[in-house]
Amino acid sequence: MALNVISAIGYAWGALGALWIAGLPFTKPTLRSQPVGSRLFHLGLDLLGVSLLGSSWFVNGWLAARFVPSTHGVQLTGLALTIAGCLFAAWSRILLGGNWSGRATVKSGHELVLKGPYALVRHPIYTGIIAAILGTSLAIGEWRCLVGCVVILLKFIIKMSQEERFMAQTFPEEYSLYCDHVKALIPGLL
């Protein structure tokens, strides 16, 4: 049964990736972007985090040790959290539309999206992805997955600071009010 849960998790991530690829042709032209060095650093953190989470490179030593028992209930809980996180990220990505980019940018005709998941948190794509990564980590149950989650969370925190700066420059009054009322990643907390 464990293989079915892991396969279902792979399908959830695959569907999210397909949505990202399908949306690429519809993004608006970029006006301002983060520096290349910063982008490469983020990609490096992504590669490390995803490798820890889903590859067989780190399945030896303490990284392969379990942090949670491998029960069907734990795996199903991880699957549910993965699917919920992927759905939340997908909803957020769809609402962001042409403003989306894989790097910190300001687009031509950029709009400040404040509805749907953006009314709950300022960075709902990251919230959804972090939830999905935590779910995947729980289903796999190995320390390497949690380390990968921390690496990707670090990348998001760094990238968020760049995005926040761009949004504050582009929408000075609106974004300041938005930040006063809506938390970055976790509604009401963070």
Protein backbone atom coordinates (compact mmCIF):
# COMPACT_ATOMS: atom_id res chain seq x y z
CA MET A 1 0.00 0.00 0.00
CA ALA A 2 2.92 2.35 0.68
CA LEU A 3 3.83 2.33 -2.99
CA ASN A 4 0.32 3.49 -3.92
CA VAL A 5 0.57 6.44 -1.52
CA ILE A 6 3.98 7.41 -2.85
CA SER A 7 2.69 7.07 -6.43
CA ALA A 8 -0.31 9.28 -5.62
CA ILE A 9 2.04 11.87 -4.13
CA GLY A 10 4.08 11.77 -7.34
CA TYR A 11 0.91 12.33 -9.38
CA ALA A 12 -0.03 15.35 -7.23
CA TRP A 13 3.40 16.91 -7.76
CA GLY A 14 3.27 16.02 -11.46
CA ALA A 15 -0.10 17.72 -11.88
CA LEU A 16 1.23 20.85 -10.17
CA GLY A 17 4.28 20.84 -12.44
CA ALA A 18 2.07 20.42 -15.52
CA LEU A 19 0.02 23.44 -14.45
CA TRP A 20 3.22 25.49 -14.12
CA ILE A 21 4.39 24.47 -17.59
CA ALA A 22 0.96 25.08 -19.13
CA GLY A 23 0.92 28.63 -17.71
CA LEU A 24 4.36 29.67 -18.98
CA PRO A 25 3.19 31.00 -22.38
CA PHE A 26 0.65 33.26 -20.67
CA THR A 27 3.02 35.23 -18.43
CA LYS A 28 3.42 38.95 -19.02
CA PRO A 29 6.71 40.48 -20.18
CA THR A 30 9.17 41.21 -17.37
CA LEU A 31 10.04 44.83 -16.49
CA ARG A 32 12.35 44.21 -13.49
CA SER A 33 13.92 41.02 -12.23
CA GLN A 34 16.16 39.76 -9.47
CA PRO A 35 19.88 39.56 -10.34
CA VAL A 36 21.14 36.44 -12.13
CA GLY A 37 23.40 35.46 -9.22
CA SER A 38 20.46 35.55 -6.84
CA ARG A 39 18.38 33.45 -9.24
CA LEU A 40 21.16 30.86 -9.55
CA PHE A 41 21.45 30.69 -5.75
CA HIS A 42 17.69 30.03 -5.49
CA LEU A 43 17.89 27.33 -8.17
CA GLY A 44 20.76 25.69 -6.27
CA LEU A 45 18.71 25.63 -3.09
CA ASP A 46 15.77 24.19 -5.05
CA LEU A 47 17.95 21.45 -6.50
CA LEU A 48 19.35 20.52 -3.09
CA GLY A 49 15.93 20.61 -1.40
CA VAL A 50 14.19 18.55 -4.10
CA SER A 51 17.09 16.08 -4.18
CA LEU A 52 16.82 15.57 -0.44
CA LEU A 53 13.07 15.16 -0.70
CA GLY A 54 12.69 12.91 -3.68
CA SER A 55 15.90 11.36 -4.94
CA SER A 56 17.82 8.28 -3.87
CA TRP A 57 21.06 10.26 -3.44
CA PHE A 58 20.54 10.77 0.29
CA VAL A 59 19.14 7.42 1.45
CA ASN A 60 22.13 6.41 3.56
CA GLY A 61 23.17 7.29 7.10
CA TRP A 62 21.18 9.46 9.45
CA LEU A 63 19.34 11.19 6.58
CA ALA A 64 17.59 7.90 5.81
CA ALA A 65 16.55 7.35 9.43
CA ARG A 66 12.84 7.62 10.12
CA PHE A 67 11.42 10.48 12.17
CA VAL A 68 7.91 8.98 12.19
CA PRO A 69 6.62 5.40 12.10
CA SER A 70 5.74 4.02 8.69
CA THR A 71 2.05 3.33 9.22
CA HIS A 72 -0.69 3.52 6.65
CA GLY A 73 -2.42 6.27 8.67
CA VAL A 74 0.71 8.42 8.73
CA GLN A 75 1.21 7.93 4.99
CA LEU A 76 -2.42 8.79 4.21
CA THR A 77 -2.15 11.91 6.35
CA GLY A 78 0.98 12.88 4.40
CA LEU A 79 -0.83 12.23 1.12
CA ALA A 80 -3.80 14.38 2.18
CA LEU A 81 -1.49 17.24 3.20
CA THR A 82 0.45 16.93 -0.07
CA ILE A 83 -2.73 17.07 -2.15
CA ALA A 84 -4.16 19.97 -0.13
CA GLY A 85 -0.90 21.91 -0.47
CA CYS A 86 -0.68 21.27 -4.22
CA LEU A 87 -4.31 22.34 -4.69
CA PHE A 88 -3.74 25.54 -2.68
CA ALA A 89 -0.59 26.35 -4.71
CA ALA A 90 -2.45 25.59 -7.97
CA TRP A 91 -5.37 27.86 -7.00
CA SER A 92 -2.89 30.61 -6.15
CA ARG A 93 -0.96 30.17 -9.39
CA ILE A 94 -4.14 30.31 -11.48
CA LEU A 95 -5.30 33.52 -9.77
CA LEU A 96 -1.88 35.13 -10.17
CA GLY A 97 -2.15 34.51 -13.92
CA GLY A 98 0.23 36.46 -16.12
CA ASN A 99 1.87 38.13 -13.12
CA TRP A 100 3.56 34.83 -12.17
CA SER A 101 7.26 34.21 -12.61
CA GLY A 102 9.70 31.64 -11.31
CA ARG A 103 11.91 34.47 -10.11
CA ALA A 104 11.28 37.72 -8.27
CA THR A 105 9.99 40.11 -10.93
CA VAL A 106 7.72 42.98 -11.77
CA LYS A 107 5.72 42.35 -14.93
CA SER A 108 4.45 44.76 -17.54
CA GLY A 109 0.98 45.79 -16.36
CA HIS A 110 1.59 44.02 -13.05
CA GLU A 111 -1.49 43.76 -10.87
CA LEU A 112 -1.61 43.35 -7.10
CA VAL A 113 -3.78 40.27 -6.56
CA LEU A 114 -5.64 40.46 -3.23
CA LYS A 115 -8.44 37.91 -3.62
CA GLY A 116 -8.81 34.19 -3.04
CA PRO A 117 -5.76 32.69 -1.32
CA TYR A 118 -4.05 36.10 -1.50
CA ALA A 119 -6.63 37.37 0.99
CA LEU A 120 -5.34 34.71 3.44
CA VAL A 121 -1.57 35.01 2.95
CA ARG A 122 0.71 37.18 0.81
CA HIS A 123 2.65 34.22 -0.62
CA PRO A 124 0.07 31.43 -0.97
CA ILE A 125 2.03 29.53 -3.62
CA TYR A 126 4.84 29.12 -1.09
CA THR A 127 2.36 28.22 1.65
CA GLY A 128 0.88 25.51 -0.56
CA ILE A 129 4.24 24.15 -1.64
CA ILE A 130 5.54 24.09 1.94
CA ALA A 131 2.39 22.23 3.06
CA ALA A 132 2.82 19.76 0.20
CA ILE A 133 6.50 19.25 1.06
CA LEU A 134 5.62 18.66 4.70
CA GLY A 135 2.99 16.13 3.59
CA THR A 136 5.46 14.35 1.34
CA SER A 137 8.01 14.37 4.15
CA LEU A 138 5.48 12.83 6.51
CA ALA A 139 4.52 10.11 4.02
CA ILE A 140 8.16 9.18 3.33
CA GLY A 141 9.07 9.66 6.97
CA GLU A 142 12.83 10.14 6.60
CA TRP A 143 14.95 12.95 8.02
CA ARG A 144 16.32 13.79 4.57
CA CYS A 145 12.84 15.03 3.62
CA LEU A 146 12.63 17.39 6.58
CA VAL A 147 16.12 18.72 5.81
CA GLY A 148 14.97 19.28 2.21
CA CYS A 149 11.90 21.11 3.51
CA VAL A 150 14.10 23.42 5.58
CA VAL A 151 16.33 24.13 2.55
CA ILE A 152 13.33 25.03 0.39
CA LEU A 153 11.79 27.12 3.19
CA LEU A 154 15.07 29.04 3.44
CA LYS A 155 14.96 29.66 -0.31
CA PHE A 156 11.37 30.94 -0.04
CA ILE A 157 12.25 33.29 2.82
CA ILE A 158 15.12 34.78 0.83
CA LYS A 159 13.04 35.06 -2.33
CA MET A 160 10.08 36.56 -0.44
CA SER A 161 12.23 39.45 0.76
CA GLN A 162 13.07 40.28 -2.86
CA GLU A 163 9.45 39.97 -3.96
CA GLU A 164 8.23 42.06 -1.04
CA ARG A 165 10.70 44.81 -1.96
CA PHE A 166 9.53 44.80 -5.59
CA MET A 167 5.86 44.93 -4.58
CA ALA A 168 6.48 47.74 -2.06
CA GLN A 169 8.24 49.75 -4.79
CA THR A 170 5.54 49.04 -7.38
CA PHE A 171 2.48 49.49 -5.10
CA PRO A 172 3.76 51.64 -2.20
CA GLU A 173 0.48 52.47 -0.46
CA GLU A 174 -1.57 49.40 -1.39
CA TYR A 175 1.15 46.91 -0.50
CA SER A 176 1.87 48.54 2.85
CA LEU A 177 -1.81 48.27 3.81
CA TYR A 178 -1.92 44.71 2.52
CA CYS A 179 1.10 43.77 4.67
CA ASP A 180 -0.56 45.33 7.70
CA HIS A 181 -3.59 43.04 7.34
CA VAL A 182 -2.32 39.83 5.71
CA LYS A 183 0.54 37.65 7.00
CA ALA A 184 3.21 36.30 4.64
CA LEU A 185 2.85 32.51 4.95
CA ILE A 186 0.54 31.38 7.76
CA PRO A 187 -2.80 33.16 8.27
CA GLY A 188 -2.77 35.14 11.52
CA LEU A 189 0.71 33.97 12.57
CA LEU A 190 3.61 34.49 10.20
